[in-house]
Amino acid sequence: MLIRLMILASVLVTGMSHAVEVPSPLDEDRGKFRPLVIVARAQALTSLVKLEKSLKDEPIKQQLQERDVVLYTILGGEVKREGKAFDAQQAAALIRGLKSGMIMGDVKVILIGKDGEKKLEAKGDIDLNALINTIDNLPPAEKQTPAQVQVVPQGKAVPSGKGIKPAKPVKALED
């Protein structure tokens, strides 16, 4: 009996150590893109058909591209980013990253900012021009990517046009 328990424990421990946590694609887009996630249970919903038609409209498509919007779709069990399908682990990581309730009826649209926070969550028909206005009305700090934001130490003035030198690493003291 003891041997069986030890074998079971070793199988469980090795199984857990081989399980790899796949990072959420939303985390990978943080600071670079604004994910627009469309979630629906069925492809044939009228609001989804209207939304997809609007997304194919060239002026809307260009405006979203200028604002660094990347499209994620979760339709039934199929998850895609810009038309490319995800494998099961990536899809599960994306759904976990959304932390959103299940969609029961109509289409759900979620806009996530470059900072990784939800900026808009709507159900049903959505006007993409209103979505673009929402992006344009975001605070200036959210519109900047992390590479554009400069951290200035307190009490130090940075001359215009000059960057900040990185600090030298601190060596550990030996006893």
Protein backbone atom coordinates (compact mmCIF):
# COMPACT_ATOMS: atom_id res chain seq x y z
CA MET A 1 0.00 0.00 0.00
CA LEU A 2 2.79 2.42 0.89
CA ILE A 3 4.57 1.69 -2.38
CA ARG A 4 1.41 2.44 -4.37
CA LEU A 5 1.00 5.78 -2.60
CA MET A 6 4.63 6.68 -3.27
CA ILE A 7 4.27 5.81 -6.96
CA LEU A 8 1.08 7.85 -7.22
CA ALA A 9 2.73 10.83 -5.48
CA SER A 10 5.76 10.67 -7.78
CA VAL A 11 3.54 10.52 -10.88
CA LEU A 12 1.56 13.54 -9.69
CA VAL A 13 4.71 15.55 -8.89
CA THR A 14 6.37 14.79 -12.24
CA GLY A 15 3.14 15.50 -14.08
CA MET A 16 2.89 18.91 -12.44
CA SER A 17 6.50 19.76 -13.17
CA HIS A 18 6.02 19.01 -16.87
CA ALA A 19 2.91 21.17 -17.16
CA VAL A 20 3.94 24.43 -18.80
CA GLU A 21 2.03 27.62 -18.15
CA VAL A 22 1.43 29.32 -21.48
CA PRO A 23 1.44 33.12 -21.18
CA SER A 24 -1.72 34.91 -22.23
CA PRO A 25 -1.49 36.52 -25.68
CA LEU A 26 -2.96 39.60 -24.00
CA ASP A 27 0.18 39.85 -21.83
CA GLU A 28 2.35 39.61 -24.93
CA ASP A 29 0.41 42.50 -26.54
CA ARG A 30 0.67 44.74 -23.47
CA GLY A 31 2.38 48.01 -24.33
CA LYS A 32 2.26 47.34 -28.07
CA PHE A 33 -1.35 46.81 -29.12
CA ARG A 34 -4.94 47.38 -28.02
CA PRO A 35 -6.71 44.01 -28.20
CA LEU A 36 -10.31 44.09 -29.40
CA VAL A 37 -11.92 40.81 -28.39
CA ILE A 38 -15.18 39.62 -29.93
CA VAL A 39 -16.87 36.75 -28.13
CA ALA A 40 -19.92 34.90 -29.51
CA ARG A 41 -21.44 31.46 -29.10
CA ALA A 42 -22.61 31.10 -32.69
CA GLN A 43 -21.44 32.43 -36.06
CA ALA A 44 -24.98 33.19 -37.30
CA LEU A 45 -25.91 35.93 -34.80
CA THR A 46 -27.18 39.03 -36.61
CA SER A 47 -25.18 41.45 -34.45
CA LEU A 48 -22.01 39.43 -35.17
CA VAL A 49 -22.67 39.49 -38.91
CA LYS A 50 -23.15 43.29 -38.78
CA LEU A 51 -19.99 43.73 -36.71
CA GLU A 52 -17.90 41.58 -39.06
CA LYS A 53 -19.22 43.55 -42.04
CA SER A 54 -18.25 46.82 -40.33
CA LEU A 55 -14.77 45.49 -39.54
CA LYS A 56 -14.20 44.70 -43.23
CA ASP A 57 -15.02 48.30 -44.20
CA GLU A 58 -11.70 49.79 -45.39
CA PRO A 59 -11.88 53.20 -43.61
CA ILE A 60 -12.77 51.53 -40.29
CA LYS A 61 -10.06 48.92 -40.80
CA GLN A 62 -7.46 51.64 -41.43
CA GLN A 63 -8.56 53.70 -38.41
CA LEU A 64 -8.28 50.67 -36.13
CA GLN A 65 -4.85 49.84 -37.55
CA GLU A 66 -3.65 53.43 -36.91
CA ARG A 67 -4.71 53.03 -33.28
CA ASP A 68 -2.77 49.75 -32.89
CA VAL A 69 -5.93 47.64 -32.49
CA VAL A 70 -5.49 43.89 -32.95
CA LEU A 71 -8.58 41.70 -33.40
CA TYR A 72 -9.22 38.56 -31.37
CA THR A 73 -12.29 36.42 -32.06
CA ILE A 74 -13.72 33.71 -29.86
CA LEU A 75 -16.52 32.08 -31.83
CA GLY A 76 -17.89 28.92 -30.31
CA GLY A 77 -14.79 26.90 -29.51
CA GLU A 78 -12.51 28.54 -32.09
CA VAL A 79 -10.09 31.28 -31.01
CA LYS A 80 -8.22 33.45 -33.53
CA ARG A 81 -5.94 36.48 -33.56
CA GLU A 82 -6.09 38.47 -36.79
CA GLY A 83 -7.49 35.37 -38.54
CA LYS A 84 -4.81 32.94 -37.29
CA ALA A 85 -6.15 30.09 -35.15
CA PHE A 86 -4.71 29.38 -31.71
CA ASP A 87 -3.89 25.96 -30.35
CA ALA A 88 -5.77 24.71 -27.28
CA GLN A 89 -3.23 25.97 -24.73
CA GLN A 90 -3.06 29.48 -26.21
CA ALA A 91 -6.86 29.64 -26.43
CA ALA A 92 -7.23 28.62 -22.79
CA ALA A 93 -4.60 31.20 -21.75
CA LEU A 94 -6.46 33.94 -23.64
CA ILE A 95 -9.80 33.04 -22.06
CA ARG A 96 -8.19 32.93 -18.60
CA GLY A 97 -6.59 36.33 -19.27
CA LEU A 98 -9.94 37.90 -20.11
CA LYS A 99 -11.46 37.03 -16.73
CA SER A 100 -14.84 37.63 -18.29
CA GLY A 101 -18.12 35.89 -17.59
CA MET A 102 -19.62 33.44 -20.04
CA ILE A 103 -21.53 34.83 -22.98
CA MET A 104 -25.05 33.54 -22.96
CA GLY A 105 -26.91 35.30 -25.74
CA ASP A 106 -25.61 38.08 -27.91
CA VAL A 107 -22.13 39.15 -28.95
CA LYS A 108 -19.74 40.59 -26.35
CA VAL A 109 -17.06 43.10 -27.38
CA ILE A 110 -14.13 43.89 -25.07
CA LEU A 111 -11.53 46.60 -25.72
CA ILE A 112 -8.32 46.28 -23.74
CA GLY A 113 -5.88 49.18 -23.55
CA LYS A 114 -2.14 49.08 -24.06
CA ASP A 115 -1.84 49.07 -20.28
CA GLY A 116 -3.68 45.73 -20.13
CA GLU A 117 -6.83 47.11 -18.48
CA LYS A 118 -10.36 46.78 -19.90
CA LYS A 119 -11.45 50.06 -21.43
CA LEU A 120 -14.82 49.00 -22.85
CA GLU A 121 -17.09 45.99 -22.46
CA ALA A 122 -20.33 45.94 -24.42
CA LYS A 123 -22.96 43.40 -25.46
CA GLY A 124 -24.96 43.31 -28.67
CA ASP A 125 -24.64 45.81 -31.48
CA ILE A 126 -21.67 48.15 -31.19
CA ASP A 127 -20.84 51.20 -33.25
CA LEU A 128 -17.20 51.00 -34.31
CA ASN A 129 -17.02 54.79 -34.68
CA ALA A 130 -17.95 55.07 -31.00
CA LEU A 131 -15.22 52.52 -30.23
CA ILE A 132 -12.68 54.64 -32.14
CA ASN A 133 -13.83 57.73 -30.21
CA THR A 134 -13.33 55.80 -26.96
CA ILE A 135 -9.74 55.05 -27.99
CA ASP A 136 -9.16 58.69 -28.96
CA ASN A 137 -10.48 59.87 -25.57
CA LEU A 138 -8.13 57.68 -23.53
CA PRO A 139 -5.79 59.55 -21.16
CA PRO A 140 -2.44 60.52 -22.72
CA ALA A 141 -0.48 58.20 -20.41
CA GLU A 142 -2.34 55.14 -21.80
CA LYS A 143 -1.68 56.21 -25.38
CA GLN A 144 2.09 56.06 -24.84
CA THR A 145 3.92 52.79 -25.09
CA PRO A 146 6.30 51.87 -22.25
CA ALA A 147 9.28 52.74 -24.49
CA GLN A 148 8.00 56.32 -24.82
CA VAL A 149 7.55 56.88 -21.09
CA GLN A 150 10.64 58.24 -19.30
CA VAL A 151 11.11 57.73 -15.60
CA VAL A 152 12.92 60.67 -13.99
CA PRO A 153 14.51 60.26 -10.55
CA GLN A 154 13.20 62.73 -7.95
CA GLY A 155 15.11 66.00 -7.77
CA LYS A 156 16.87 65.48 -11.10
CA ALA A 157 16.13 67.63 -14.11
CA VAL A 158 16.53 66.12 -17.55
CA PRO A 159 17.84 68.50 -20.21
CA SER A 160 15.55 68.63 -23.23
CA GLY A 161 16.55 66.26 -25.99
CA LYS A 162 18.70 64.07 -23.74
CA GLY A 163 17.82 60.67 -22.32
CA ILE A 164 18.63 59.22 -18.94
CA LYS A 165 21.64 56.94 -18.60
CA PRO A 166 20.88 53.56 -17.05
CA ALA A 167 22.14 53.06 -13.52
CA LYS A 168 25.21 50.91 -12.91
CA PRO A 169 24.52 47.56 -11.23
CA VAL A 170 25.23 47.41 -7.52
CA LYS A 171 27.77 44.81 -6.41
CA ALA A 172 26.92 42.64 -3.45
CA LEU A 173 29.09 43.04 -0.35
CA GLU A 174 30.92 39.98 0.86
CA ASP A 175 31.31 39.15 4.56
